[in-house]
Amino acid sequence: MRYRIGFLLATILLAAARPGFAQIDNTTWGLEVGFTPYWQMPGQALAGAFGADRIDLHGREFRIGVVRGRTMGGEWGVSLVHKRFSDDGIVVLSSSSGKGSFTTTDAEMLGFEVHRFFAFATIAKQVQIGVNLAGGAGELRGYVDASYVPSNPTQTRANALVRTSDIFDYVDKNITWLPMAKAELGAAFLAGDRVKVRVTGGVNFPGYEVASVSVTYLMGHDR
């Protein structure tokens, strides 16, 4: 449902664009919605940093927020970010007492992000080539299926539904919030005198993404 709302907002912003392509030169506030259809945190890449044997997570991301910038200039903004984990993600942790495996079933991250888009080239006054940098933090939410295999074979294996935020308690790490960061290369297309569509790809820490789409609507005065 959240993603349907996001698509609806993006459609409304695009529909609000007039065919005139008049640039908004003054720096002004605006609204932004964004969607990443697939991000991934693969295997062993960052497992050691969290004290894990394996972290293999992937999912989708939705963003909504406010921005400040110009039609053909750069921008910065603050967004609410929702990362949804697909149901087949897995985290494996080991301790002296045994091994725990956690499979995502209803897990997510909800947090905030501050971004800055730097445009370093413009093509035909309609396309910007640039870099998007962002940072923030997200809270682990929801639940995972936990499976525990003790080191002592005489002990009984256990299975339970636990909170996502409790995963790393197994290795004595209290990790409820995770840092988020982006370093993306992309292009912003002028879709009207007030609307820009930005397509980017790159690092989406704690993973990476192939492509992400954002739609920005600026509320200033046309030139």
N, C-alpha and C. Protein backbone atom coordinates (compact mmCIF):
# COMPACT_ATOMS: atom_id res chain seq x y z
N MET A 1 0.82 -1.20 0.00
CA MET A 1 0.00 0.00 0.00
C MET A 1 0.86 1.27 0.00
N ARG A 2 1.97 1.27 0.79
CA ARG A 2 2.84 2.44 0.84
C ARG A 2 3.38 2.76 -0.55
N TYR A 3 3.79 1.72 -1.29
CA TYR A 3 4.39 1.94 -2.59
C TYR A 3 3.35 2.42 -3.60
N ARG A 4 2.10 1.97 -3.48
CA ARG A 4 1.05 2.47 -4.37
C ARG A 4 0.81 3.95 -4.12
N ILE A 5 0.84 4.36 -2.85
CA ILE A 5 0.69 5.78 -2.52
C ILE A 5 1.84 6.57 -3.12
N GLY A 6 3.06 6.02 -3.04
CA GLY A 6 4.23 6.69 -3.60
C GLY A 6 4.11 6.88 -5.09
N PHE A 7 3.69 5.83 -5.80
CA PHE A 7 3.51 5.93 -7.25
C PHE A 7 2.44 6.96 -7.59
N LEU A 8 1.38 7.02 -6.79
CA LEU A 8 0.31 7.98 -7.02
C LEU A 8 0.83 9.40 -6.86
N LEU A 9 1.63 9.64 -5.82
CA LEU A 9 2.19 10.97 -5.60
C LEU A 9 3.11 11.36 -6.75
N ALA A 10 3.94 10.42 -7.19
CA ALA A 10 4.84 10.70 -8.32
C ALA A 10 4.06 11.03 -9.57
N THR A 11 2.97 10.32 -9.82
CA THR A 11 2.13 10.59 -10.99
C THR A 11 1.52 11.97 -10.90
N ILE A 12 1.06 12.37 -9.71
CA ILE A 12 0.47 13.69 -9.52
C ILE A 12 1.50 14.78 -9.79
N LEU A 13 2.73 14.59 -9.29
CA LEU A 13 3.77 15.58 -9.50
C LEU A 13 4.10 15.72 -10.98
N LEU A 14 4.18 14.60 -11.68
CA LEU A 14 4.46 14.65 -13.12
C LEU A 14 3.32 15.32 -13.88
N ALA A 15 2.09 15.03 -13.47
CA ALA A 15 0.93 15.62 -14.14
C ALA A 15 0.85 17.12 -13.92
N ALA A 16 1.46 17.57 -12.80
CA ALA A 16 1.42 19.00 -12.50
C ALA A 16 2.36 19.81 -13.37
N ALA A 17 3.27 19.14 -14.07
CA ALA A 17 4.23 19.85 -14.91
C ALA A 17 3.53 20.45 -16.12
N ARG A 18 3.84 21.69 -16.44
CA ARG A 18 3.32 22.31 -17.64
C ARG A 18 4.32 22.12 -18.76
N PRO A 19 3.92 22.14 -19.99
CA PRO A 19 4.81 21.84 -21.09
C PRO A 19 5.86 22.90 -21.33
N GLY A 20 5.82 24.01 -20.61
CA GLY A 20 6.66 25.14 -20.94
C GLY A 20 8.11 25.03 -20.55
N PHE A 21 8.68 24.26 -19.75
CA PHE A 21 10.10 24.15 -19.43
C PHE A 21 10.73 25.47 -19.01
N ALA A 22 9.99 26.36 -18.38
CA ALA A 22 10.58 27.59 -17.85
C ALA A 22 11.29 27.26 -16.56
N GLN A 23 12.54 27.69 -16.45
CA GLN A 23 13.32 27.32 -15.27
C GLN A 23 12.94 28.17 -14.07
N ILE A 24 12.97 27.55 -12.89
CA ILE A 24 12.81 28.27 -11.64
C ILE A 24 14.21 28.61 -11.15
N ASP A 25 14.64 29.86 -11.38
CA ASP A 25 16.02 30.24 -11.07
C ASP A 25 16.25 30.49 -9.59
N ASN A 26 15.23 31.00 -8.91
CA ASN A 26 15.41 31.28 -7.49
C ASN A 26 15.39 29.98 -6.69
N THR A 27 16.18 29.93 -5.65
CA THR A 27 16.19 28.76 -4.78
C THR A 27 14.86 28.69 -4.02
N THR A 28 14.23 27.53 -4.06
CA THR A 28 12.89 27.41 -3.49
C THR A 28 12.70 26.05 -2.86
N TRP A 29 11.65 25.92 -2.07
CA TRP A 29 11.30 24.64 -1.45
C TRP A 29 10.50 23.79 -2.43
N GLY A 30 10.52 22.48 -2.18
CA GLY A 30 9.76 21.57 -3.01
C GLY A 30 9.47 20.27 -2.29
N LEU A 31 8.80 19.36 -2.99
CA LEU A 31 8.47 18.04 -2.47
C LEU A 31 9.14 16.98 -3.33
N GLU A 32 9.46 15.85 -2.71
CA GLU A 32 10.12 14.78 -3.45
C GLU A 32 9.59 13.42 -3.00
N VAL A 33 9.39 12.54 -3.96
CA VAL A 33 9.10 11.14 -3.68
C VAL A 33 10.11 10.30 -4.46
N GLY A 34 10.51 9.17 -3.88
CA GLY A 34 11.51 8.34 -4.54
C GLY A 34 11.27 6.87 -4.28
N PHE A 35 11.77 6.05 -5.19
CA PHE A 35 11.56 4.61 -5.09
C PHE A 35 12.78 3.87 -5.63
N THR A 36 13.24 2.89 -4.86
CA THR A 36 14.30 1.99 -5.31
C THR A 36 13.70 0.59 -5.38
N PRO A 37 13.53 0.05 -6.58
CA PRO A 37 12.85 -1.25 -6.70
C PRO A 37 13.65 -2.41 -6.14
N TYR A 38 14.98 -2.27 -6.06
CA TYR A 38 15.78 -3.39 -5.56
C TYR A 38 17.11 -2.88 -5.02
N TRP A 39 17.38 -3.15 -3.75
CA TRP A 39 18.70 -2.92 -3.16
C TRP A 39 19.14 -4.22 -2.51
N GLN A 40 20.44 -4.38 -2.35
CA GLN A 40 20.97 -5.65 -1.84
C GLN A 40 22.16 -5.41 -0.92
N MET A 41 22.23 -6.21 0.14
CA MET A 41 23.39 -6.26 1.02
C MET A 41 23.93 -7.68 0.93
N PRO A 42 24.95 -7.89 0.12
CA PRO A 42 25.33 -9.26 -0.25
C PRO A 42 26.29 -9.94 0.73
N GLY A 43 25.98 -11.21 1.00
CA GLY A 43 26.88 -12.18 1.62
C GLY A 43 27.85 -11.70 2.67
N GLN A 44 29.14 -11.76 2.32
CA GLN A 44 30.21 -11.52 3.28
C GLN A 44 30.70 -10.08 3.29
N ALA A 45 30.18 -9.22 2.39
CA ALA A 45 30.75 -7.89 2.19
C ALA A 45 30.90 -7.10 3.50
N LEU A 46 29.87 -7.07 4.32
CA LEU A 46 29.91 -6.29 5.56
C LEU A 46 29.61 -7.13 6.79
N ALA A 47 29.57 -8.44 6.62
CA ALA A 47 29.19 -9.31 7.74
C ALA A 47 30.11 -9.12 8.94
N GLY A 48 31.42 -9.04 8.71
CA GLY A 48 32.36 -8.93 9.81
C GLY A 48 32.16 -7.68 10.65
N ALA A 49 31.73 -6.60 10.02
CA ALA A 49 31.53 -5.35 10.75
C ALA A 49 30.41 -5.46 11.78
N PHE A 50 29.50 -6.40 11.57
CA PHE A 50 28.38 -6.60 12.49
C PHE A 50 28.57 -7.86 13.34
N GLY A 51 29.75 -8.47 13.27
CA GLY A 51 30.00 -9.69 14.04
C GLY A 51 29.24 -10.88 13.54
N ALA A 52 28.91 -10.91 12.24
CA ALA A 52 28.10 -11.99 11.66
C ALA A 52 28.95 -12.87 10.76
N ASP A 53 28.51 -14.11 10.58
CA ASP A 53 29.13 -15.00 9.60
C ASP A 53 28.65 -14.68 8.19
N ARG A 54 27.39 -14.27 8.08
CA ARG A 54 26.79 -14.01 6.78
C ARG A 54 25.62 -13.06 6.93
N ILE A 55 25.54 -12.10 6.05
CA ILE A 55 24.38 -11.22 5.97
C ILE A 55 24.01 -11.10 4.49
N ASP A 56 22.85 -11.61 4.14
CA ASP A 56 22.39 -11.58 2.76
C ASP A 56 20.96 -11.04 2.75
N LEU A 57 20.84 -9.72 2.59
CA LEU A 57 19.54 -9.06 2.67
C LEU A 57 19.28 -8.28 1.39
N HIS A 58 18.01 -8.16 1.02
CA HIS A 58 17.64 -7.34 -0.12
C HIS A 58 16.19 -6.93 0.03
N GLY A 59 15.79 -5.94 -0.76
CA GLY A 59 14.41 -5.47 -0.65
C GLY A 59 14.17 -4.23 -1.49
N ARG A 60 13.16 -3.43 -1.07
CA ARG A 60 12.77 -2.22 -1.78
C ARG A 60 12.89 -1.03 -0.83
N GLU A 61 12.89 0.16 -1.42
CA GLU A 61 12.99 1.38 -0.61
C GLU A 61 12.04 2.44 -1.15
N PHE A 62 11.37 3.12 -0.24
CA PHE A 62 10.48 4.23 -0.59
C PHE A 62 10.88 5.45 0.23
N ARG A 63 10.87 6.63 -0.41
CA ARG A 63 11.26 7.87 0.26
C ARG A 63 10.25 8.96 -0.03
N ILE A 64 10.03 9.82 0.95
CA ILE A 64 9.20 11.01 0.75
C ILE A 64 9.75 12.11 1.64
N GLY A 65 9.86 13.34 1.08
CA GLY A 65 10.45 14.40 1.89
C GLY A 65 10.34 15.77 1.25
N VAL A 66 11.09 16.70 1.79
CA VAL A 66 11.12 18.08 1.29
C VAL A 66 12.51 18.37 0.76
N VAL A 67 12.59 19.26 -0.24
CA VAL A 67 13.87 19.63 -0.83
C VAL A 67 13.94 21.15 -0.95
N ARG A 68 15.15 21.63 -1.19
CA ARG A 68 15.37 23.05 -1.49
C ARG A 68 16.39 23.14 -2.60
N GLY A 69 16.02 23.80 -3.70
CA GLY A 69 16.94 23.88 -4.82
C GLY A 69 16.35 24.66 -5.97
N ARG A 70 16.99 24.52 -7.18
CA ARG A 70 16.56 25.21 -8.39
C ARG A 70 16.32 24.20 -9.50
N THR A 71 15.59 24.64 -10.53
CA THR A 71 15.24 23.72 -11.61
C THR A 71 16.48 23.09 -12.23
N MET A 72 17.44 23.91 -12.64
CA MET A 72 18.64 23.37 -13.26
C MET A 72 19.88 23.55 -12.39
N GLY A 73 19.65 23.68 -11.10
CA GLY A 73 20.76 23.74 -10.16
C GLY A 73 20.73 22.53 -9.25
N GLY A 74 21.57 22.53 -8.25
CA GLY A 74 21.60 21.44 -7.29
C GLY A 74 20.46 21.56 -6.28
N GLU A 75 20.46 20.64 -5.32
CA GLU A 75 19.42 20.65 -4.30
C GLU A 75 19.90 19.89 -3.08
N TRP A 76 19.24 20.15 -1.97
CA TRP A 76 19.41 19.31 -0.79
C TRP A 76 18.03 19.04 -0.23
N GLY A 77 17.92 17.99 0.58
CA GLY A 77 16.61 17.65 1.11
C GLY A 77 16.69 16.70 2.29
N VAL A 78 15.55 16.56 2.95
CA VAL A 78 15.40 15.65 4.09
C VAL A 78 14.22 14.73 3.80
N SER A 79 14.42 13.42 3.96
CA SER A 79 13.37 12.47 3.60
C SER A 79 13.14 11.43 4.70
N LEU A 80 11.90 10.97 4.77
CA LEU A 80 11.56 9.79 5.55
C LEU A 80 11.80 8.59 4.64
N VAL A 81 12.55 7.60 5.12
CA VAL A 81 12.95 6.46 4.30
C VAL A 81 12.40 5.16 4.89
N HIS A 82 11.79 4.36 4.04
CA HIS A 82 11.28 3.05 4.46
C HIS A 82 11.94 1.98 3.61
N LYS A 83 12.75 1.14 4.24
CA LYS A 83 13.38 0.01 3.55
C LYS A 83 12.66 -1.26 3.97
N ARG A 84 12.13 -1.97 2.99
CA ARG A 84 11.42 -3.22 3.25
C ARG A 84 12.32 -4.39 2.89
N PHE A 85 12.52 -5.33 3.84
CA PHE A 85 13.32 -6.51 3.57
C PHE A 85 12.46 -7.59 2.92
N SER A 86 12.95 -8.16 1.84
CA SER A 86 12.26 -9.31 1.24
C SER A 86 12.26 -10.48 2.22
N ASP A 87 11.31 -11.38 2.08
CA ASP A 87 11.10 -12.42 3.09
C ASP A 87 12.12 -13.56 3.06
N ASP A 88 13.07 -13.55 2.12
CA ASP A 88 14.04 -14.63 2.09
C ASP A 88 15.45 -14.17 2.47
N GLY A 89 15.56 -13.00 3.09
CA GLY A 89 16.86 -12.55 3.57
C GLY A 89 17.33 -13.36 4.76
N ILE A 90 18.65 -13.41 4.97
CA ILE A 90 19.17 -14.23 6.07
C ILE A 90 20.37 -13.58 6.73
N VAL A 91 20.44 -13.74 8.05
CA VAL A 91 21.59 -13.33 8.85
C VAL A 91 22.03 -14.52 9.68
N VAL A 92 23.33 -14.86 9.63
CA VAL A 92 23.87 -16.00 10.37
C VAL A 92 24.92 -15.48 11.34
N LEU A 93 24.75 -15.84 12.61
CA LEU A 93 25.66 -15.41 13.67
C LEU A 93 26.15 -16.62 14.45
N SER A 94 27.41 -16.57 14.89
CA SER A 94 27.97 -17.66 15.70
C SER A 94 28.51 -17.13 17.01
N SER A 95 28.37 -17.95 18.04
CA SER A 95 28.95 -17.65 19.34
C SER A 95 29.50 -18.95 19.92
N SER A 96 30.09 -18.88 21.09
CA SER A 96 30.66 -20.07 21.70
C SER A 96 29.60 -21.11 22.04
N SER A 97 28.36 -20.68 22.19
CA SER A 97 27.28 -21.60 22.58
C SER A 97 26.56 -22.24 21.39
N GLY A 98 26.79 -21.71 20.17
CA GLY A 98 26.11 -22.28 19.01
C GLY A 98 25.99 -21.31 17.86
N LYS A 99 25.09 -21.61 16.96
CA LYS A 99 24.90 -20.78 15.77
C LYS A 99 23.42 -20.42 15.63
N GLY A 100 23.18 -19.15 15.32
CA GLY A 100 21.82 -18.68 15.10
C GLY A 100 21.62 -18.23 13.67
N SER A 101 20.51 -18.64 13.08
CA SER A 101 20.15 -18.22 11.73
C SER A 101 18.83 -17.46 11.80
N PHE A 102 18.78 -16.29 11.16
CA PHE A 102 17.60 -15.43 11.23
C PHE A 102 17.13 -15.14 9.81
N THR A 103 15.89 -15.52 9.52
CA THR A 103 15.32 -15.33 8.19
C THR A 103 14.23 -14.26 8.25
N THR A 104 14.35 -13.25 7.41
CA THR A 104 13.38 -12.14 7.44
C THR A 104 12.01 -12.62 6.96
N THR A 105 10.99 -12.25 7.71
CA THR A 105 9.62 -12.60 7.34
C THR A 105 8.72 -11.38 7.30
N ASP A 106 8.92 -10.46 8.22
CA ASP A 106 8.13 -9.23 8.26
C ASP A 106 9.03 -8.13 8.81
N ALA A 107 10.18 -7.92 8.15
CA ALA A 107 11.21 -7.03 8.67
C ALA A 107 11.34 -5.78 7.81
N GLU A 108 11.75 -4.69 8.45
CA GLU A 108 11.87 -3.42 7.75
C GLU A 108 12.78 -2.47 8.52
N MET A 109 13.18 -1.39 7.86
CA MET A 109 13.88 -0.28 8.49
C MET A 109 13.12 1.00 8.20
N LEU A 110 12.96 1.84 9.21
CA LEU A 110 12.30 3.12 9.05
C LEU A 110 13.21 4.19 9.63
N GLY A 111 13.55 5.18 8.83
CA GLY A 111 14.47 6.19 9.33
C GLY A 111 14.40 7.48 8.54
N PHE A 112 15.47 8.26 8.62
CA PHE A 112 15.54 9.56 7.96
C PHE A 112 16.84 9.65 7.17
N GLU A 113 16.86 10.55 6.21
CA GLU A 113 18.01 10.71 5.35
C GLU A 113 18.12 12.16 4.89
N VAL A 114 19.33 12.68 4.89
CA VAL A 114 19.62 14.01 4.35
C VAL A 114 20.45 13.81 3.09
N HIS A 115 20.02 14.41 1.97
CA HIS A 115 20.76 14.22 0.72
C HIS A 115 21.16 15.56 0.10
N ARG A 116 22.16 15.49 -0.76
CA ARG A 116 22.59 16.66 -1.53
C ARG A 116 22.94 16.19 -2.95
N PHE A 117 22.28 16.79 -3.93
CA PHE A 117 22.56 16.47 -5.33
C PHE A 117 23.41 17.57 -5.92
N PHE A 118 24.60 17.20 -6.41
CA PHE A 118 25.52 18.13 -7.04
C PHE A 118 25.48 17.92 -8.55
N ALA A 119 25.09 18.94 -9.30
CA ALA A 119 25.08 18.86 -10.76
C ALA A 119 26.37 19.45 -11.30
N PHE A 120 27.13 18.66 -12.05
CA PHE A 120 28.40 19.17 -12.59
C PHE A 120 28.39 19.32 -14.11
N ALA A 121 27.29 18.97 -14.78
CA ALA A 121 27.19 19.18 -16.22
C ALA A 121 25.72 19.29 -16.60
N THR A 122 25.43 20.13 -17.61
CA THR A 122 24.07 20.31 -18.09
C THR A 122 24.04 20.13 -19.60
N ILE A 123 23.06 19.38 -20.08
CA ILE A 123 22.91 19.10 -21.51
C ILE A 123 21.62 19.74 -22.01
N ALA A 124 21.75 20.65 -22.98
CA ALA A 124 20.59 21.27 -23.65
C ALA A 124 19.61 21.92 -22.67
N LYS A 125 20.08 22.35 -21.54
CA LYS A 125 19.24 23.00 -20.53
C LYS A 125 18.07 22.14 -20.07
N GLN A 126 18.18 20.84 -20.25
CA GLN A 126 17.09 19.95 -19.84
C GLN A 126 17.56 18.74 -19.06
N VAL A 127 18.86 18.45 -19.08
CA VAL A 127 19.38 17.26 -18.40
C VAL A 127 20.59 17.66 -17.56
N GLN A 128 20.60 17.24 -16.31
CA GLN A 128 21.74 17.45 -15.43
C GLN A 128 22.44 16.12 -15.17
N ILE A 129 23.75 16.12 -15.25
CA ILE A 129 24.55 14.97 -14.85
C ILE A 129 25.20 15.32 -13.53
N GLY A 130 25.10 14.44 -12.54
CA GLY A 130 25.64 14.78 -11.25
C GLY A 130 25.78 13.61 -10.30
N VAL A 131 26.04 13.96 -9.06
CA VAL A 131 26.26 12.98 -8.00
C VAL A 131 25.30 13.27 -6.85
N ASN A 132 24.70 12.23 -6.32
CA ASN A 132 23.83 12.36 -5.15
C ASN A 132 24.50 11.71 -3.95
N LEU A 133 24.69 12.50 -2.89
CA LEU A 133 25.28 12.00 -1.65
C LEU A 133 24.26 12.14 -0.53
N ALA A 134 24.18 11.12 0.33
CA ALA A 134 23.17 11.14 1.39
C ALA A 134 23.67 10.38 2.61
N GLY A 135 23.10 10.73 3.75
CA GLY A 135 23.41 10.03 4.99
C GLY A 135 22.25 10.09 5.95
N GLY A 136 22.14 9.08 6.80
CA GLY A 136 21.06 9.06 7.76
C GLY A 136 21.14 7.81 8.63
N ALA A 137 20.03 7.43 9.21
CA ALA A 137 19.98 6.25 10.07
C ALA A 137 18.58 5.67 10.05
N GLY A 138 18.50 4.35 10.21
CA GLY A 138 17.21 3.68 10.20
C GLY A 138 17.07 2.71 11.35
N GLU A 139 15.87 2.60 11.88
CA GLU A 139 15.57 1.71 13.00
C GLU A 139 15.09 0.36 12.48
N LEU A 140 15.66 -0.72 12.99
CA LEU A 140 15.22 -2.06 12.63
C LEU A 140 13.86 -2.32 13.28
N ARG A 141 12.91 -2.80 12.49
CA ARG A 141 11.55 -3.03 12.97
C ARG A 141 11.05 -4.36 12.44
N GLY A 142 9.94 -4.83 12.98
CA GLY A 142 9.34 -6.06 12.49
C GLY A 142 9.92 -7.31 13.14
N TYR A 143 9.80 -8.45 12.43
CA TYR A 143 10.16 -9.74 13.02
C TYR A 143 10.91 -10.62 12.03
N VAL A 144 11.66 -11.57 12.58
CA VAL A 144 12.38 -12.57 11.79
C VAL A 144 12.17 -13.94 12.43
N ASP A 145 12.30 -14.99 11.61
CA ASP A 145 12.27 -16.36 12.12
C ASP A 145 13.67 -16.74 12.56
N ALA A 146 13.83 -17.13 13.81
CA ALA A 146 15.13 -17.48 14.37
C ALA A 146 15.24 -18.99 14.56
N SER A 147 16.39 -19.53 14.16
CA SER A 147 16.69 -20.94 14.35
C SER A 147 18.03 -21.06 15.08
N TYR A 148 18.05 -21.77 16.21
CA TYR A 148 19.25 -21.87 17.04
C TYR A 148 19.74 -23.32 17.08
N VAL A 149 21.03 -23.49 16.73
CA VAL A 149 21.68 -24.80 16.77
C VAL A 149 22.80 -24.74 17.81
N PRO A 150 22.64 -25.41 18.96
CA PRO A 150 23.65 -25.32 20.02
C PRO A 150 24.92 -26.08 19.66
N SER A 151 26.04 -25.63 20.23
CA SER A 151 27.31 -26.33 20.03
C SER A 151 27.30 -27.70 20.69
N ASN A 152 26.62 -27.80 21.82
CA ASN A 152 26.51 -29.06 22.55
C ASN A 152 25.41 -29.91 21.91
N PRO A 153 25.74 -31.04 21.31
CA PRO A 153 24.73 -31.86 20.62
C PRO A 153 23.65 -32.41 21.54
N THR A 154 23.88 -32.38 22.85
CA THR A 154 22.87 -32.89 23.77
C THR A 154 21.76 -31.88 24.02
N GLN A 155 22.02 -30.64 23.63
CA GLN A 155 21.01 -29.60 23.82
C GLN A 155 20.03 -29.58 22.65
N THR A 156 18.85 -29.08 22.90
CA THR A 156 17.79 -29.08 21.90
C THR A 156 17.85 -27.85 21.00
N ARG A 157 17.64 -28.08 19.72
CA ARG A 157 17.53 -26.96 18.79
C ARG A 157 16.26 -26.17 19.10
N ALA A 158 16.29 -24.90 18.76
CA ALA A 158 15.13 -24.05 19.06
C ALA A 158 14.77 -23.19 17.86
N ASN A 159 13.47 -22.92 17.72
CA ASN A 159 12.96 -22.03 16.67
C ASN A 159 11.97 -21.07 17.31
N ALA A 160 12.05 -19.81 16.89
CA ALA A 160 11.16 -18.81 17.49
C ALA A 160 11.03 -17.62 16.55
N LEU A 161 9.99 -16.83 16.77
CA LEU A 161 9.80 -15.57 16.06
C LEU A 161 10.31 -14.46 16.98
N VAL A 162 11.31 -13.72 16.53
CA VAL A 162 11.91 -12.68 17.37
C VAL A 162 11.88 -11.33 16.64
N ARG A 163 12.06 -10.28 17.40
CA ARG A 163 12.10 -8.95 16.80
C ARG A 163 13.37 -8.76 15.98
N THR A 164 13.26 -8.05 14.89
CA THR A 164 14.43 -7.79 14.05
C THR A 164 15.52 -7.06 14.84
N SER A 165 15.13 -6.17 15.71
CA SER A 165 16.10 -5.40 16.50
C SER A 165 16.86 -6.25 17.51
N ASP A 166 16.42 -7.51 17.73
CA ASP A 166 17.09 -8.38 18.70
C ASP A 166 18.10 -9.33 18.06
N ILE A 167 18.26 -9.28 16.74
CA ILE A 167 19.14 -10.23 16.05
C ILE A 167 20.54 -10.21 16.62
N PHE A 168 21.14 -9.03 16.74
CA PHE A 168 22.54 -8.95 17.10
C PHE A 168 22.80 -9.08 18.59
N ASP A 169 21.74 -9.19 19.39
CA ASP A 169 21.91 -9.50 20.81
C ASP A 169 22.59 -10.86 20.97
N TYR A 170 22.42 -11.71 19.96
CA TYR A 170 22.98 -13.06 20.01
C TYR A 170 24.51 -13.04 20.13
N VAL A 171 25.15 -12.01 19.57
CA VAL A 171 26.61 -11.88 19.67
C VAL A 171 26.97 -10.66 20.53
N ASP A 172 26.09 -10.34 21.46
CA ASP A 172 26.31 -9.25 22.43
C ASP A 172 26.55 -7.90 21.79
N LYS A 173 25.87 -7.64 20.69
CA LYS A 173 25.91 -6.33 20.06
C LYS A 173 24.51 -5.73 20.09
N ASN A 174 24.40 -4.55 20.65
CA ASN A 174 23.11 -3.87 20.73
C ASN A 174 22.96 -2.96 19.52
N ILE A 175 22.44 -3.52 18.42
CA ILE A 175 22.27 -2.77 17.17
C ILE A 175 20.78 -2.67 16.86
N THR A 176 20.21 -1.52 17.15
CA THR A 176 18.81 -1.26 16.85
C THR A 176 18.69 -0.30 15.66
N TRP A 177 19.62 0.66 15.59
CA TRP A 177 19.67 1.61 14.48
C TRP A 177 20.87 1.31 13.61
N LEU A 178 20.69 1.36 12.30
CA LEU A 178 21.77 1.15 11.35
C LEU A 178 22.04 2.44 10.58
N PRO A 179 23.32 2.76 10.34
CA PRO A 179 23.61 3.94 9.51
C PRO A 179 23.20 3.68 8.07
N MET A 180 22.77 4.72 7.39
CA MET A 180 22.43 4.65 5.97
C MET A 180 23.23 5.72 5.23
N ALA A 181 23.69 5.40 4.04
CA ALA A 181 24.44 6.36 3.24
C ALA A 181 24.28 6.03 1.77
N LYS A 182 24.39 7.06 0.93
CA LYS A 182 24.31 6.88 -0.51
C LYS A 182 25.45 7.65 -1.18
N ALA A 183 25.98 7.07 -2.24
CA ALA A 183 26.92 7.73 -3.15
C ALA A 183 26.54 7.26 -4.54
N GLU A 184 25.76 8.08 -5.26
CA GLU A 184 25.14 7.66 -6.51
C GLU A 184 25.54 8.60 -7.65
N LEU A 185 25.72 8.02 -8.81
CA LEU A 185 25.92 8.78 -10.04
C LEU A 185 24.62 8.72 -10.84
N GLY A 186 24.20 9.85 -11.41
CA GLY A 186 22.94 9.81 -12.13
C GLY A 186 22.67 11.05 -12.95
N ALA A 187 21.44 11.12 -13.43
CA ALA A 187 21.00 12.23 -14.26
C ALA A 187 19.63 12.69 -13.82
N ALA A 188 19.41 14.02 -13.90
CA ALA A 188 18.11 14.61 -13.58
C ALA A 188 17.53 15.22 -14.85
N PHE A 189 16.30 14.84 -15.17
CA PHE A 189 15.65 15.28 -16.40
C PHE A 189 14.55 16.29 -16.08
N LEU A 190 14.53 17.40 -16.80
CA LEU A 190 13.49 18.40 -16.62
C LEU A 190 12.22 17.92 -17.31
N ALA A 191 11.20 17.59 -16.52
CA ALA A 191 9.94 17.07 -17.05
C ALA A 191 8.86 18.13 -17.15
N GLY A 192 9.19 19.36 -16.84
CA GLY A 192 8.25 20.47 -16.87
C GLY A 192 8.91 21.65 -16.20
N ASP A 193 8.20 22.77 -16.08
CA ASP A 193 8.82 23.95 -15.51
C ASP A 193 9.02 23.83 -14.00
N ARG A 194 8.44 22.82 -13.38
CA ARG A 194 8.58 22.66 -11.94
C ARG A 194 8.99 21.24 -11.52
N VAL A 195 9.03 20.31 -12.44
CA VAL A 195 9.24 18.91 -12.08
C VAL A 195 10.54 18.38 -12.66
N LYS A 196 11.30 17.69 -11.83
CA LYS A 196 12.51 17.01 -12.26
C LYS A 196 12.40 15.53 -11.90
N VAL A 197 12.88 14.68 -12.79
CA VAL A 197 12.93 13.24 -12.55
C VAL A 197 14.41 12.86 -12.51
N ARG A 198 14.84 12.30 -11.39
CA ARG A 198 16.25 11.95 -11.23
C ARG A 198 16.40 10.43 -11.17
N VAL A 199 17.29 9.90 -12.00
CA VAL A 199 17.59 8.47 -12.03
C VAL A 199 19.04 8.29 -11.62
N THR A 200 19.29 7.50 -10.58
CA THR A 200 20.63 7.32 -10.06
C THR A 200 20.90 5.85 -9.77
N GLY A 201 22.14 5.54 -9.49
CA GLY A 201 22.53 4.19 -9.10
C GLY A 201 23.89 4.21 -8.44
N GLY A 202 24.13 3.24 -7.55
CA GLY A 202 25.43 3.17 -6.87
C GLY A 202 25.31 2.58 -5.49
N VAL A 203 26.10 3.13 -4.56
CA VAL A 203 26.12 2.64 -3.18
C VAL A 203 24.87 3.09 -2.45
N ASN A 204 24.21 2.13 -1.80
CA ASN A 204 23.06 2.41 -0.96
C ASN A 204 23.31 1.66 0.35
N PHE A 205 24.22 2.21 1.17
CA PHE A 205 24.68 1.53 2.38
C PHE A 205 23.53 1.29 3.35
N PRO A 206 23.41 0.08 3.89
CA PRO A 206 24.41 -0.99 3.95
C PRO A 206 24.45 -1.94 2.76
N GLY A 207 24.14 -1.47 1.57
CA GLY A 207 24.20 -2.32 0.38
C GLY A 207 24.47 -1.49 -0.85
N TYR A 208 23.89 -1.91 -1.97
CA TYR A 208 24.01 -1.16 -3.21
C TYR A 208 22.72 -1.31 -4.00
N GLU A 209 22.58 -0.48 -5.03
CA GLU A 209 21.40 -0.49 -5.87
C GLU A 209 21.82 -0.34 -7.33
N VAL A 210 21.01 -0.89 -8.21
CA VAL A 210 21.26 -0.71 -9.64
C VAL A 210 20.64 0.59 -10.12
N ALA A 211 19.43 0.89 -9.66
CA ALA A 211 18.75 2.10 -10.09
C ALA A 211 17.79 2.58 -9.02
N SER A 212 17.64 3.91 -8.94
CA SER A 212 16.69 4.54 -8.04
C SER A 212 16.08 5.73 -8.76
N VAL A 213 14.79 5.97 -8.55
CA VAL A 213 14.08 7.05 -9.25
C VAL A 213 13.48 8.00 -8.22
N SER A 214 13.68 9.31 -8.43
CA SER A 214 13.09 10.33 -7.58
C SER A 214 12.39 11.37 -8.44
N VAL A 215 11.26 11.87 -7.98
CA VAL A 215 10.52 12.93 -8.66
C VAL A 215 10.43 14.12 -7.71
N THR A 216 10.87 15.28 -8.19
CA THR A 216 10.88 16.51 -7.38
C THR A 216 9.96 17.56 -7.98
N TYR A 217 9.15 18.16 -7.15
CA TYR A 217 8.26 19.26 -7.57
C TYR A 217 8.66 20.52 -6.81
N LEU A 218 9.10 21.55 -7.54
CA LEU A 218 9.53 22.81 -6.94
C LEU A 218 8.36 23.78 -6.91
N MET A 219 8.25 24.55 -5.82
CA MET A 219 7.06 25.39 -5.62
C MET A 219 7.36 26.87 -5.76
N GLY A 220 8.49 27.26 -6.40
CA GLY A 220 8.83 28.66 -6.55
C GLY A 220 8.16 29.31 -7.74
N HIS A 221 8.65 30.50 -8.09
CA HIS A 221 8.09 31.26 -9.21
C HIS A 221 8.88 30.98 -10.47
N ASP A 222 8.19 30.82 -11.57
CA ASP A 222 8.87 30.58 -12.86
C ASP A 222 9.60 31.85 -13.31
N ARG A 223 10.63 31.62 -14.12
CA ARG A 223 11.37 32.76 -14.65
C ARG A 223 10.56 33.46 -15.75
